[in-house]
Amino acid sequence: MYPSKPCQHCGRSFSWRKKWEHCWDHVKYCSDGCRKASGSRIAGLAEKAIIDLLQSNHSGKALNPDTAARHLEMDQTGCNWQHAVREVMHAARRLSRQNQIQIIRKGKPVDADHLHGVVRLRLK
């Protein structure tokens, strides 16, 4: 079985590849797209938006990722909310791996690597 580790941008697990046999310890990203996007300002803003919205939510309800994306759009990040949803989901994976939030589907926690369908976010 090959080793795997999470991508520092999107949070998905990726496995060792032969081309990385001499530099596996230095590989941080699963793809060129994640490597290029890792320096973007919106990545940090997405994490902050999720945490802020969850902490200010006094009703105890789980957060819809679209709400966080629309919040990012209002912060004038320079992107529309549909693009921001992708960044919010990447941030949610990272926060889930850091045990700060839970990603839930139909009321039950799900693995951050196998997300599909409608999910919600809540504080741990």
PDB file of N, CA and C in Angstrom:
ATOM      1  N   MET A   1       0.852  -1.185   0.000  1.00  0.00           N
ATOM      2  CA  MET A   1       0.000   0.000   0.000  1.00  0.00           C
ATOM      3  C   MET A   1       0.892   1.241   0.000  1.00  0.00           C
ATOM      4  N   TYR A   2       0.580   2.182  -0.870  1.00  0.00           N
ATOM      5  CA  TYR A   2       1.362   3.404  -0.979  1.00  0.00           C
ATOM      6  C   TYR A   2       0.926   4.407   0.084  1.00  0.00           C
ATOM      7  N   PRO A   3       1.860   5.228   0.581  1.00  0.00           N
ATOM      8  CA  PRO A   3       1.487   6.245   1.561  1.00  0.00           C
ATOM      9  C   PRO A   3       0.655   7.344   0.904  1.00  0.00           C
ATOM     10  N   SER A   4      -0.108   8.029   1.719  1.00  0.00           N
ATOM     11  CA  SER A   4      -0.892   9.162   1.223  1.00  0.00           C
ATOM     12  C   SER A   4      -0.826  10.281   2.255  1.00  0.00           C
ATOM     13  N   LYS A   5      -1.190  11.483   1.811  1.00  0.00           N
ATOM     14  CA  LYS A   5      -1.248  12.632   2.704  1.00  0.00           C
ATOM     15  C   LYS A   5      -2.219  13.640   2.115  1.00  0.00           C
ATOM     16  N   PRO A   6      -2.712  14.574   2.947  1.00  0.00           N
ATOM     17  CA  PRO A   6      -3.678  15.548   2.440  1.00  0.00           C
ATOM     18  C   PRO A   6      -2.999  16.696   1.687  1.00  0.00           C
ATOM     19  N   CYS A   7      -3.672  17.155   0.666  1.00  0.00           N
ATOM     20  CA  CYS A   7      -3.223  18.325  -0.088  1.00  0.00           C
ATOM     21  C   CYS A   7      -3.369  19.547   0.808  1.00  0.00           C
ATOM     22  N   GLN A   8      -2.389  20.425   0.812  1.00  0.00           N
ATOM     23  CA  GLN A   8      -2.444  21.607   1.675  1.00  0.00           C
ATOM     24  C   GLN A   8      -3.431  22.659   1.185  1.00  0.00           C
ATOM     25  N   HIS A   9      -3.875  22.544  -0.062  1.00  0.00           N
ATOM     26  CA  HIS A   9      -4.857  23.517  -0.549  1.00  0.00           C
ATOM     27  C   HIS A   9      -6.276  22.985  -0.452  1.00  0.00           C
ATOM     28  N   CYS A  10      -6.549  21.864  -1.121  1.00  0.00           N
ATOM     29  CA  CYS A  10      -7.925  21.371  -1.191  1.00  0.00           C
ATOM     30  C   CYS A  10      -8.283  20.411  -0.066  1.00  0.00           C
ATOM     31  N   GLY A  11      -7.290  19.848   0.615  1.00  0.00           N
ATOM     32  CA  GLY A  11      -7.571  18.959   1.735  1.00  0.00           C
ATOM     33  C   GLY A  11      -7.846  17.519   1.351  1.00  0.00           C
ATOM     34  N   ARG A  12      -7.892  17.209   0.079  1.00  0.00           N
ATOM     35  CA  ARG A  12      -8.116  15.827  -0.350  1.00  0.00           C
ATOM     36  C   ARG A  12      -6.850  15.004  -0.167  1.00  0.00           C
ATOM     37  N   SER A  13      -7.022  13.711   0.099  1.00  0.00           N
ATOM     38  CA  SER A  13      -5.863  12.827   0.196  1.00  0.00           C
ATOM     39  C   SER A  13      -5.358  12.491  -1.196  1.00  0.00           C
ATOM     40  N   PHE A  14      -4.033  12.412  -1.331  1.00  0.00           N
ATOM     41  CA  PHE A  14      -3.455  11.949  -2.583  1.00  0.00           C
ATOM     42  C   PHE A  14      -2.339  10.974  -2.254  1.00  0.00           C
ATOM     43  N   SER A  15      -2.119  10.038  -3.146  1.00  0.00           N
ATOM     44  CA  SER A  15      -1.183   8.949  -2.904  1.00  0.00           C
ATOM     45  C   SER A  15       0.167   9.193  -3.561  1.00  0.00           C
ATOM     46  N   TRP A  16       1.128   8.506  -3.032  1.00  0.00           N
ATOM     47  CA  TRP A  16       2.498   8.526  -3.528  1.00  0.00           C
ATOM     48  C   TRP A  16       2.513   8.100  -4.987  1.00  0.00           C
ATOM     49  N   ARG A  17       3.390   8.718  -5.773  1.00  0.00           N
ATOM     50  CA  ARG A  17       3.574   8.342  -7.178  1.00  0.00           C
ATOM     51  C   ARG A  17       5.057   8.113  -7.427  1.00  0.00           C
ATOM     52  N   LYS A  18       5.343   7.297  -8.402  1.00  0.00           N
ATOM     53  CA  LYS A  18       6.722   6.939  -8.722  1.00  0.00           C
ATOM     54  C   LYS A  18       7.579   8.179  -8.989  1.00  0.00           C
ATOM     55  N   LYS A  19       7.009   9.181  -9.659  1.00  0.00           N
ATOM     56  CA  LYS A  19       7.791  10.372  -9.998  1.00  0.00           C
ATOM     57  C   LYS A  19       8.202  11.169  -8.756  1.00  0.00           C
ATOM     58  N   TRP A  20       7.553  10.883  -7.611  1.00  0.00           N
ATOM     59  CA  TRP A  20       7.860  11.584  -6.379  1.00  0.00           C
ATOM     60  C   TRP A  20       8.744  10.778  -5.431  1.00  0.00           C
ATOM     61  N   GLU A  21       9.313   9.679  -5.894  1.00  0.00           N
ATOM     62  CA  GLU A  21      10.020   8.799  -4.968  1.00  0.00           C
ATOM     63  C   GLU A  21      11.212   9.481  -4.286  1.00  0.00           C
ATOM     64  N   HIS A  22      11.833  10.460  -4.928  1.00  0.00           N
ATOM     65  CA  HIS A  22      12.983  11.131  -4.333  1.00  0.00           C
ATOM     66  C   HIS A  22      12.614  12.422  -3.611  1.00  0.00           C
ATOM     67  N   CYS A  23      11.363  12.875  -3.749  1.00  0.00           N
ATOM     68  CA  CYS A  23      10.996  14.150  -3.133  1.00  0.00           C
ATOM     69  C   CYS A  23       9.638  14.095  -2.414  1.00  0.00           C
ATOM     70  N   TRP A  24       9.170  12.928  -2.035  1.00  0.00           N
ATOM     71  CA  TRP A  24       7.849  12.759  -1.427  1.00  0.00           C
ATOM     72  C   TRP A  24       7.679  13.642  -0.183  1.00  0.00           C
ATOM     73  N   ASP A  25       8.725  13.816   0.590  1.00  0.00           N
ATOM     74  CA  ASP A  25       8.630  14.631   1.809  1.00  0.00           C
ATOM     75  C   ASP A  25       8.363  16.106   1.504  1.00  0.00           C
ATOM     76  N   HIS A  26       8.695  16.552   0.307  1.00  0.00           N
ATOM     77  CA  HIS A  26       8.528  17.956  -0.061  1.00  0.00           C
ATOM     78  C   HIS A  26       7.255  18.223  -0.866  1.00  0.00           C
ATOM     79  N   VAL A  27       6.548  17.173  -1.286  1.00  0.00           N
ATOM     80  CA  VAL A  27       5.323  17.338  -2.079  1.00  0.00           C
ATOM     81  C   VAL A  27       4.203  17.794  -1.141  1.00  0.00           C
ATOM     82  N   LYS A  28       3.541  18.910  -1.485  1.00  0.00           N
ATOM     83  CA  LYS A  28       2.492  19.478  -0.647  1.00  0.00           C
ATOM     84  C   LYS A  28       1.120  19.480  -1.299  1.00  0.00           C
ATOM     85  N   TYR A  29       1.088  19.447  -2.643  1.00  0.00           N
ATOM     86  CA  TYR A  29      -0.172  19.643  -3.352  1.00  0.00           C
ATOM     87  C   TYR A  29      -0.473  18.455  -4.259  1.00  0.00           C
ATOM     88  N   CYS A  30      -1.755  18.191  -4.451  1.00  0.00           N
ATOM     89  CA  CYS A  30      -2.171  17.038  -5.250  1.00  0.00           C
ATOM     90  C   CYS A  30      -2.088  17.306  -6.752  1.00  0.00           C
ATOM     91  N   SER A  31      -2.094  18.571  -7.149  1.00  0.00           N
ATOM     92  CA  SER A  31      -2.091  18.901  -8.571  1.00  0.00           C
ATOM     93  C   SER A  31      -1.482  20.275  -8.803  1.00  0.00           C
ATOM     94  N   ASP A  32      -1.227  20.574 -10.060  1.00  0.00           N
ATOM     95  CA  ASP A  32      -0.725  21.909 -10.414  1.00  0.00           C
ATOM     96  C   ASP A  32      -1.759  22.981 -10.089  1.00  0.00           C
ATOM     97  N   GLY A  33      -3.022  22.652 -10.285  1.00  0.00           N
ATOM     98  CA  GLY A  33      -4.085  23.618  -9.992  1.00  0.00           C
ATOM     99  C   GLY A  33      -4.101  24.022  -8.527  1.00  0.00           C
ATOM    100  N   CYS A  34      -3.928  23.041  -7.640  1.00  0.00           N
ATOM    101  CA  CYS A  34      -3.890  23.349  -6.209  1.00  0.00           C
ATOM    102  C   CYS A  34      -2.628  24.121  -5.849  1.00  0.00           C
ATOM    103  N   ARG A  35      -1.528  23.781  -6.478  1.00  0.00           N
ATOM    104  CA  ARG A  35      -0.274  24.489  -6.202  1.00  0.00           C
ATOM    105  C   ARG A  35      -0.405  25.958  -6.599  1.00  0.00           C
ATOM    106  N   LYS A  36      -1.010  26.219  -7.757  1.00  0.00           N
ATOM    107  CA  LYS A  36      -1.164  27.594  -8.232  1.00  0.00           C
ATOM    108  C   LYS A  36      -2.163  28.382  -7.385  1.00  0.00           C
ATOM    109  N   ALA A  37      -3.207  27.710  -6.918  1.00  0.00           N
ATOM    110  CA  ALA A  37      -4.249  28.394  -6.152  1.00  0.00           C
ATOM    111  C   ALA A  37      -3.892  28.553  -4.684  1.00  0.00           C
ATOM    112  N   SER A  38      -2.857  27.875  -4.230  1.00  0.00           N
ATOM    113  CA  SER A  38      -2.551  27.875  -2.795  1.00  0.00           C
ATOM    114  C   SER A  38      -2.180  29.254  -2.274  1.00  0.00           C
ATOM    115  N   GLY A  39      -1.630  30.096  -3.095  1.00  0.00           N
ATOM    116  CA  GLY A  39      -1.239  31.424  -2.639  1.00  0.00           C
ATOM    117  C   GLY A  39      -2.351  32.448  -2.707  1.00  0.00           C
ATOM    118  N   SER A  40      -3.528  32.028  -3.120  1.00  0.00           N
ATOM    119  CA  SER A  40      -4.614  32.992  -3.297  1.00  0.00           C
ATOM    120  C   SER A  40      -5.120  33.503  -1.949  1.00  0.00           C
ATOM    121  N   ARG A  41      -5.542  34.718  -1.950  1.00  0.00           N
ATOM    122  CA  ARG A  41      -6.047  35.368  -0.742  1.00  0.00           C
ATOM    123  C   ARG A  41      -7.368  34.762  -0.297  1.00  0.00           C
ATOM    124  N   ILE A  42      -8.138  34.260  -1.239  1.00  0.00           N
ATOM    125  CA  ILE A  42      -9.473  33.759  -0.917  1.00  0.00           C
ATOM    126  C   ILE A  42      -9.431  32.492  -0.056  1.00  0.00           C
ATOM    127  N   ALA A  43      -8.351  31.712  -0.126  1.00  0.00           N
ATOM    128  CA  ALA A  43      -8.265  30.482   0.666  1.00  0.00           C
ATOM    129  C   ALA A  43      -8.342  30.784   2.158  1.00  0.00           C
ATOM    130  N   GLY A  44      -7.573  31.751   2.617  1.00  0.00           N
ATOM    131  CA  GLY A  44      -7.613  32.129   4.033  1.00  0.00           C
ATOM    132  C   GLY A  44      -8.920  32.795   4.415  1.00  0.00           C
ATOM    133  N   LEU A  45      -9.470  33.580   3.504  1.00  0.00           N
ATOM    134  CA  LEU A  45     -10.739  34.243   3.777  1.00  0.00           C
ATOM    135  C   LEU A  45     -11.876  33.242   3.908  1.00  0.00           C
ATOM    136  N   ALA A  46     -11.821  32.150   3.139  1.00  0.00           N
ATOM    137  CA  ALA A  46     -12.872  31.132   3.204  1.00  0.00           C
ATOM    138  C   ALA A  46     -12.877  30.457   4.573  1.00  0.00           C
ATOM    139  N   GLU A  47     -11.708  30.113   5.083  1.00  0.00           N
ATOM    140  CA  GLU A  47     -11.635  29.498   6.416  1.00  0.00           C
ATOM    141  C   GLU A  47     -12.174  30.452   7.477  1.00  0.00           C
ATOM    142  N   LYS A  48     -11.770  31.714   7.388  1.00  0.00           N
ATOM    143  CA  LYS A  48     -12.225  32.710   8.357  1.00  0.00           C
ATOM    144  C   LYS A  48     -13.736  32.901   8.277  1.00  0.00           C
ATOM    145  N   ALA A  49     -14.288  32.920   7.071  1.00  0.00           N
ATOM    146  CA  ALA A  49     -15.742  33.092   6.906  1.00  0.00           C
ATOM    147  C   ALA A  49     -16.502  31.932   7.533  1.00  0.00           C
ATOM    148  N   ILE A  50     -16.025  30.711   7.321  1.00  0.00           N
ATOM    149  CA  ILE A  50     -16.703  29.537   7.888  1.00  0.00           C
ATOM    150  C   ILE A  50     -16.705  29.614   9.412  1.00  0.00           C
ATOM    151  N   ILE A  51     -15.533  29.848   9.992  1.00  0.00           N
ATOM    152  CA  ILE A  51     -15.429  29.898  11.459  1.00  0.00           C
ATOM    153  C   ILE A  51     -16.270  31.038  12.024  1.00  0.00           C
ATOM    154  N   ASP A  52     -16.192  32.217  11.413  1.00  0.00           N
ATOM    155  CA  ASP A  52     -16.963  33.371  11.904  1.00  0.00           C
ATOM    156  C   ASP A  52     -18.458  33.110  11.845  1.00  0.00           C
ATOM    157  N   LEU A  53     -18.929  32.580  10.728  1.00  0.00           N
ATOM    158  CA  LEU A  53     -20.362  32.311  10.592  1.00  0.00           C
ATOM    159  C   LEU A  53     -20.832  31.237  11.557  1.00  0.00           C
ATOM    160  N   LEU A  54     -20.024  30.201  11.776  1.00  0.00           N
ATOM    161  CA  LEU A  54     -20.419  29.137  12.708  1.00  0.00           C
ATOM    162  C   LEU A  54     -20.421  29.636  14.153  1.00  0.00           C
ATOM    163  N   GLN A  55     -19.464  30.474  14.506  1.00  0.00           N
ATOM    164  CA  GLN A  55     -19.412  30.992  15.872  1.00  0.00           C
ATOM    165  C   GLN A  55     -20.511  32.009  16.142  1.00  0.00           C
ATOM    166  N   SER A  56     -20.935  32.729  15.116  1.00  0.00           N
ATOM    167  CA  SER A  56     -21.998  33.718  15.312  1.00  0.00           C
ATOM    168  C   SER A  56     -23.388  33.100  15.195  1.00  0.00           C
ATOM    169  N   ASN A  57     -23.461  31.843  14.831  1.00  0.00           N
ATOM    170  CA  ASN A  57     -24.733  31.146  14.673  1.00  0.00           C
ATOM    171  C   ASN A  57     -25.205  30.657  16.037  1.00  0.00           C
ATOM    172  N   HIS A  58     -26.128  31.381  16.656  1.00  0.00           N
ATOM    173  CA  HIS A  58     -26.593  31.036  17.999  1.00  0.00           C
ATOM    174  C   HIS A  58     -27.735  30.028  17.980  1.00  0.00           C
ATOM    175  N   SER A  59     -28.291  29.743  16.807  1.00  0.00           N
ATOM    176  CA  SER A  59     -29.409  28.805  16.733  1.00  0.00           C
ATOM    177  C   SER A  59     -28.937  27.352  16.775  1.00  0.00           C
ATOM    178  N   GLY A  60     -27.639  27.130  16.562  1.00  0.00           N
ATOM    179  CA  GLY A  60     -27.114  25.752  16.610  1.00  0.00           C
ATOM    180  C   GLY A  60     -27.298  24.988  15.318  1.00  0.00           C
ATOM    181  N   LYS A  61     -27.862  25.635  14.309  1.00  0.00           N
ATOM    182  CA  LYS A  61     -28.049  24.958  13.032  1.00  0.00           C
ATOM    183  C   LYS A  61     -26.726  24.842  12.285  1.00  0.00           C
ATOM    184  N   ALA A  62     -26.644  23.823  11.447  1.00  0.00           N
ATOM    185  CA  ALA A  62     -25.446  23.641  10.624  1.00  0.00           C
ATOM    186  C   ALA A  62     -25.450  24.671   9.493  1.00  0.00           C
ATOM    187  N   LEU A  63     -24.265  25.002   9.029  1.00  0.00           N
ATOM    188  CA  LEU A  63     -24.087  26.034   8.012  1.00  0.00           C
ATOM    189  C   LEU A  63     -24.099  25.439   6.619  1.00  0.00           C
ATOM    190  N   ASN A  64     -24.833  26.062   5.731  1.00  0.00           N
ATOM    191  CA  ASN A  64     -24.826  25.689   4.326  1.00  0.00           C
ATOM    192  C   ASN A  64     -23.578  26.325   3.694  1.00  0.00           C
ATOM    193  N   PRO A  65     -22.741  25.562   2.972  1.00  0.00           N
ATOM    194  CA  PRO A  65     -21.549  26.145   2.345  1.00  0.00           C
ATOM    195  C   PRO A  65     -21.861  27.311   1.402  1.00  0.00           C
ATOM    196  N   ASP A  66     -23.042  27.310   0.788  1.00  0.00           N
ATOM    197  CA  ASP A  66     -23.431  28.420  -0.086  1.00  0.00           C
ATOM    198  C   ASP A  66     -23.504  29.739   0.687  1.00  0.00           C
ATOM    199  N   THR A  67     -23.939  29.673   1.935  1.00  0.00           N
ATOM    200  CA  THR A  67     -24.031  30.873   2.762  1.00  0.00           C
ATOM    201  C   THR A  67     -22.652  31.477   2.984  1.00  0.00           C
ATOM    202  N   ALA A  68     -21.676  30.621   3.279  1.00  0.00           N
ATOM    203  CA  ALA A  68     -20.304  31.103   3.452  1.00  0.00           C
ATOM    204  C   ALA A  68     -19.761  31.682   2.148  1.00  0.00           C
ATOM    205  N   ALA A  69     -20.107  31.059   1.019  1.00  0.00           N
ATOM    206  CA  ALA A  69     -19.644  31.550  -0.283  1.00  0.00           C
ATOM    207  C   ALA A  69     -20.249  32.919  -0.590  1.00  0.00           C
ATOM    208  N   ARG A  70     -21.519  33.097  -0.292  1.00  0.00           N
ATOM    209  CA  ARG A  70     -22.152  34.399  -0.512  1.00  0.00           C
ATOM    210  C   ARG A  70     -21.556  35.455   0.414  1.00  0.00           C
ATOM    211  N   HIS A  71     -21.195  35.037   1.615  1.00  0.00           N
ATOM    212  CA  HIS A  71     -20.529  35.942   2.557  1.00  0.00           C
ATOM    213  C   HIS A  71     -19.174  36.383   1.994  1.00  0.00           C
ATOM    214  N   LEU A  72     -18.460  35.467   1.387  1.00  0.00           N
ATOM    215  CA  LEU A  72     -17.179  35.804   0.752  1.00  0.00           C
ATOM    216  C   LEU A  72     -17.372  36.797  -0.381  1.00  0.00           C
ATOM    217  N   GLU A  73     -18.430  36.605  -1.158  1.00  0.00           N
ATOM    218  CA  GLU A  73     -18.692  37.512  -2.275  1.00  0.00           C
ATOM    219  C   GLU A  73     -18.943  38.922  -1.760  1.00  0.00           C
ATOM    220  N   MET A  74     -19.632  39.029  -0.627  1.00  0.00           N
ATOM    221  CA  MET A  74     -19.912  40.343  -0.065  1.00  0.00           C
ATOM    222  C   MET A  74     -18.646  41.001   0.476  1.00  0.00           C
ATOM    223  N   ASP A  75     -17.647  40.191   0.833  1.00  0.00           N
ATOM    224  CA  ASP A  75     -16.379  40.741   1.312  1.00  0.00           C
ATOM    225  C   ASP A  75     -15.522  41.273   0.171  1.00  0.00           C
ATOM    226  N   GLN A  76     -16.062  41.287  -1.025  1.00  0.00           N
ATOM    227  CA  GLN A  76     -15.390  41.828  -2.214  1.00  0.00           C
ATOM    228  C   GLN A  76     -14.066  41.114  -2.487  1.00  0.00           C
ATOM    229  N   THR A  77     -14.146  39.791  -2.600  1.00  0.00           N
ATOM    230  CA  THR A  77     -12.953  39.000  -2.901  1.00  0.00           C
ATOM    231  C   THR A  77     -12.643  39.008  -4.387  1.00  0.00           C
ATOM    232  N   GLY A  78     -13.515  39.541  -5.179  1.00  0.00           N
ATOM    233  CA  GLY A  78     -13.261  39.587  -6.610  1.00  0.00           C
ATOM    234  C   GLY A  78     -13.769  38.361  -7.343  1.00  0.00           C
ATOM    235  N   CYS A  79     -14.582  37.556  -6.701  1.00  0.00           N
ATOM    236  CA  CYS A  79     -15.123  36.386  -7.395  1.00  0.00           C
ATOM    237  C   CYS A  79     -16.617  36.274  -7.091  1.00  0.00           C
ATOM    238  N   ASN A  80     -17.319  35.594  -7.978  1.00  0.00           N
ATOM    239  CA  ASN A  80     -18.737  35.387  -7.733  1.00  0.00           C
ATOM    240  C   ASN A  80     -18.919  34.227  -6.758  1.00  0.00           C
ATOM    241  N   TRP A  81     -20.099  34.101  -6.190  1.00  0.00           N
ATOM    242  CA  TRP A  81     -20.297  33.122  -5.130  1.00  0.00           C
ATOM    243  C   TRP A  81     -20.200  31.696  -5.629  1.00  0.00           C
ATOM    244  N   GLN A  82     -20.510  31.434  -6.918  1.00  0.00           N
ATOM    245  CA  GLN A  82     -20.401  30.065  -7.428  1.00  0.00           C
ATOM    246  C   GLN A  82     -18.942  29.597  -7.411  1.00  0.00           C
ATOM    247  N   HIS A  83     -18.018  30.478  -7.759  1.00  0.00           N
ATOM    248  CA  HIS A  83     -16.602  30.132  -7.683  1.00  0.00           C
ATOM    249  C   HIS A  83     -16.167  30.005  -6.226  1.00  0.00           C
ATOM    250  N   ALA A  84     -16.719  30.837  -5.375  1.00  0.00           N
ATOM    251  CA  ALA A  84     -16.352  30.821  -3.961  1.00  0.00           C
ATOM    252  C   ALA A  84     -16.792  29.534  -3.273  1.00  0.00           C
ATOM    253  N   VAL A  85     -17.840  28.874  -3.769  1.00  0.00           N
ATOM    254  CA  VAL A  85     -18.287  27.605  -3.171  1.00  0.00           C
ATOM    255  C   VAL A  85     -17.164  26.575  -3.208  1.00  0.00           C
ATOM    256  N   ARG A  86     -16.445  26.495  -4.300  1.00  0.00           N
ATOM    257  CA  ARG A  86     -15.332  25.547  -4.413  1.00  0.00           C
ATOM    258  C   ARG A  86     -14.272  25.839  -3.356  1.00  0.00           C
ATOM    259  N   GLU A  87     -13.944  27.123  -3.190  1.00  0.00           N
ATOM    260  CA  GLU A  87     -12.949  27.510  -2.183  1.00  0.00           C
ATOM    261  C   GLU A  87     -13.452  27.237  -0.768  1.00  0.00           C
ATOM    262  N   VAL A  88     -14.741  27.436  -0.540  1.00  0.00           N
ATOM    263  CA  VAL A  88     -15.324  27.145   0.776  1.00  0.00           C
ATOM    264  C   VAL A  88     -15.237  25.652   1.071  1.00  0.00           C
ATOM    265  N   MET A  89     -15.501  24.808   0.075  1.00  0.00           N
ATOM    266  CA  MET A  89     -15.418  23.361   0.302  1.00  0.00           C
ATOM    267  C   MET A  89     -13.972  22.926   0.542  1.00  0.00           C
ATOM    268  N   HIS A  90     -13.014  23.525  -0.158  1.00  0.00           N
ATOM    269  CA  HIS A  90     -11.606  23.229   0.116  1.00  0.00           C
ATOM    270  C   HIS A  90     -11.260  23.629   1.552  1.00  0.00           C
ATOM    271  N   ALA A  91     -11.714  24.807   1.960  1.00  0.00           N
ATOM    272  CA  ALA A  91     -11.449  25.283   3.313  1.00  0.00           C
ATOM    273  C   ALA A  91     -12.124  24.377   4.343  1.00  0.00           C
ATOM    274  N   ALA A  92     -13.329  23.912   4.032  1.00  0.00           N
ATOM    275  CA  ALA A  92     -14.040  23.014   4.954  1.00  0.00           C
ATOM    276  C   ALA A  92     -13.276  21.707   5.140  1.00  0.00           C
ATOM    277  N   ARG A  93     -12.709  21.179   4.061  1.00  0.00           N
ATOM    278  CA  ARG A  93     -11.896  19.964   4.188  1.00  0.00           C
ATOM    279  C   ARG A  93     -10.686  20.198   5.088  1.00  0.00           C
ATOM    280  N   ARG A  94     -10.021  21.335   4.882  1.00  0.00           N
ATOM    281  CA  ARG A  94      -8.849  21.647   5.712  1.00  0.00           C
ATOM    282  C   ARG A  94      -9.237  21.790   7.181  1.00  0.00           C
ATOM    283  N   LEU A  95     -10.323  22.497   7.448  1.00  0.00           N
ATOM    284  CA  LEU A  95     -10.774  22.687   8.824  1.00  0.00           C
ATOM    285  C   LEU A  95     -11.238  21.378   9.449  1.00  0.00           C
ATOM    286  N   SER A  96     -11.829  20.516   8.638  1.00  0.00           N
ATOM    287  CA  SER A  96     -12.252  19.212   9.139  1.00  0.00           C
ATOM    288  C   SER A  96     -11.051  18.365   9.534  1.00  0.00           C
ATOM    289  N   ARG A  97     -10.005  18.405   8.727  1.00  0.00           N
ATOM    290  CA  ARG A  97      -8.781  17.656   9.054  1.00  0.00           C
ATOM    291  C   ARG A  97      -8.095  18.206  10.305  1.00  0.00           C
ATOM    292  N   GLN A  98      -8.298  19.488  10.593  1.00  0.00           N
ATOM    293  CA  GLN A  98      -7.729  20.103  11.789  1.00  0.00           C
ATOM    294  C   GLN A  98      -8.649  19.933  13.000  1.00  0.00           C
ATOM    295  N   ASN A  99      -9.752  19.197  12.824  1.00  0.00           N
ATOM    296  CA  ASN A  99     -10.742  18.935  13.878  1.00  0.00           C
ATOM    297  C   ASN A  99     -11.372  20.206  14.439  1.00  0.00           C
ATOM    298  N   GLN A 100     -11.558  21.208  13.592  1.00  0.00           N
ATOM    299  CA  GLN A 100     -12.233  22.423  14.028  1.00  0.00           C
ATOM    300  C   GLN A 100     -13.719  22.381  13.697  1.00  0.00           C
ATOM    301  N   ILE A 101     -14.070  21.713  12.595  1.00  0.00           N
ATOM    302  CA  ILE A 101     -15.481  21.605  12.193  1.00  0.00           C
ATOM    303  C   ILE A 101     -15.793  20.162  11.810  1.00  0.00           C
ATOM    304  N   GLN A 102     -17.087  19.881  11.681  1.00  0.00           N
ATOM    305  CA  GLN A 102     -17.553  18.607  11.139  1.00  0.00           C
ATOM    306  C   GLN A 102     -18.295  18.883   9.849  1.00  0.00           C
ATOM    307  N   ILE A 103     -18.117  18.005   8.888  1.00  0.00           N
ATOM    308  CA  ILE A 103     -18.897  18.061   7.659  1.00  0.00           C
ATOM    309  C   ILE A 103     -19.956  16.983   7.796  1.00  0.00           C
ATOM    310  N   ILE A 104     -21.211  17.369   7.664  1.00  0.00           N
ATOM    311  CA  ILE A 104     -22.298  16.402   7.868  1.00  0.00           C
ATOM    312  C   ILE A 104     -23.167  16.295   6.621  1.00  0.00           C
ATOM    313  N   ARG A 105     -23.743  15.124   6.470  1.00  0.00           N
ATOM    314  CA  ARG A 105     -24.695  14.839   5.391  1.00  0.00           C
ATOM    315  C   ARG A 105     -25.813  14.035   6.013  1.00  0.00           C
ATOM    316  N   LYS A 106     -27.024  14.501   5.869  1.00  0.00           N
ATOM    317  CA  LYS A 106     -28.209  13.866   6.455  1.00  0.00           C
ATOM    318  C   LYS A 106     -28.035  13.675   7.960  1.00  0.00           C
ATOM    319  N   GLY A 107     -27.421  14.668   8.602  1.00  0.00           N
ATOM    320  CA  GLY A 107     -27.276  14.665  10.050  1.00  0.00           C
ATOM    321  C   GLY A 107     -26.137  13.834  10.606  1.00  0.00           C
ATOM    322  N   LYS A 108     -25.370  13.181   9.737  1.00  0.00           N
ATOM    323  CA  LYS A 108     -24.275  12.327  10.200  1.00  0.00           C
ATOM    324  C   LYS A 108     -22.946  12.817   9.636  1.00  0.00           C
ATOM    325  N   PRO A 109     -21.881  12.742  10.436  1.00  0.00           N
ATOM    326  CA  PRO A 109     -20.560  13.167   9.944  1.00  0.00           C
ATOM    327  C   PRO A 109     -20.100  12.313   8.773  1.00  0.00           C
ATOM    328  N   VAL A 110     -19.453  12.952   7.799  1.00  0.00           N
ATOM    329  CA  VAL A 110     -18.917  12.237   6.636  1.00  0.00           C
ATOM    330  C   VAL A 110     -17.424  12.500   6.526  1.00  0.00           C
ATOM    331  N   ASP A 111     -16.754  11.606   5.827  1.00  0.00           N
ATOM    332  CA  ASP A 111     -15.324  11.733   5.593  1.00  0.00           C
ATOM    333  C   ASP A 111     -15.073  12.859   4.594  1.00  0.00           C
ATOM    334  N   ALA A 112     -14.105  13.700   4.906  1.00  0.00           N
ATOM    335  CA  ALA A 112     -13.806  14.849   4.051  1.00  0.00           C
ATOM    336  C   ALA A 112     -13.308  14.441   2.668  1.00  0.00           C
ATOM    337  N   ASP A 113     -12.786  13.233   2.525  1.00  0.00           N
ATOM    338  CA  ASP A 113     -12.287  12.779   1.229  1.00  0.00           C
ATOM    339  C   ASP A 113     -13.393  12.301   0.298  1.00  0.00           C
ATOM    340  N   HIS A 114     -14.546  11.986   0.844  1.00  0.00           N
ATOM    341  CA  HIS A 114     -15.617  11.394   0.032  1.00  0.00           C
ATOM    342  C   HIS A 114     -16.886  12.227   0.112  1.00  0.00           C
ATOM    343  N   LEU A 115     -16.777  13.485  -0.231  1.00  0.00           N
ATOM    344  CA  LEU A 115     -17.941  14.373  -0.193  1.00  0.00           C
ATOM    345  C   LEU A 115     -18.717  14.296  -1.494  1.00  0.00           C
ATOM    346  N   HIS A 116     -20.017  14.215  -1.373  1.00  0.00           N
ATOM    347  CA  HIS A 116     -20.900  14.312  -2.527  1.00  0.00           C
ATOM    348  C   HIS A 116     -22.285  14.690  -2.013  1.00  0.00           C
ATOM    349  N   GLY A 117     -23.042  15.288  -2.876  1.00  0.00           N
ATOM    350  CA  GLY A 117     -24.391  15.677  -2.490  1.00  0.00           C
ATOM    351  C   GLY A 117     -24.408  16.907  -1.590  1.00  0.00           C
ATOM    352  N   VAL A 118     -25.522  17.071  -0.896  1.00  0.00           N
ATOM    353  CA  VAL A 118     -25.733  18.237  -0.050  1.00  0.00           C
ATOM    354  C   VAL A 118     -25.074  17.993   1.308  1.00  0.00           C
ATOM    355  N   VAL A 119     -24.176  18.877   1.683  1.00  0.00           N
ATOM    356  CA  VAL A 119     -23.516  18.770   2.985  1.00  0.00           C
ATOM    357  C   VAL A 119     -23.723  20.054   3.757  1.00  0.00           C
ATOM    358  N   ARG A 120     -23.528  19.973   5.060  1.00  0.00           N
ATOM    359  CA  ARG A 120     -23.595  21.115   5.951  1.00  0.00           C
ATOM    360  C   ARG A 120     -22.342  21.104   6.822  1.00  0.00           C
ATOM    361  N   LEU A 121     -22.063  22.242   7.443  1.00  0.00           N
ATOM    362  CA  LEU A 121     -20.874  22.387   8.277  1.00  0.00           C
ATOM    363  C   LEU A 121     -21.315  22.777   9.681  1.00  0.00           C
ATOM    364  N   ARG A 122     -20.638  22.219  10.687  1.00  0.00           N
ATOM    365  CA  ARG A 122     -20.913  22.623  12.060  1.00  0.00           C
ATOM    366  C   ARG A 122     -19.624  22.544  12.887  1.00  0.00           C
ATOM    367  N   LEU A 123     -19.608  23.320  13.955  1.00  0.00           N
ATOM    368  CA  LEU A 123     -18.448  23.292  14.835  1.00  0.00           C
ATOM    369  C   LEU A 123     -18.367  21.952  15.555  1.00  0.00           C
ATOM    370  N   LYS A 124     -17.172  21.552  15.875  1.00  0.00           N
ATOM    371  CA  LYS A 124     -16.983  20.304  16.627  1.00  0.00           C
ATOM    372  C   LYS A 124     -17.337  20.512  18.067  1.00  0.00           C
TER     373      LYS A 124
END
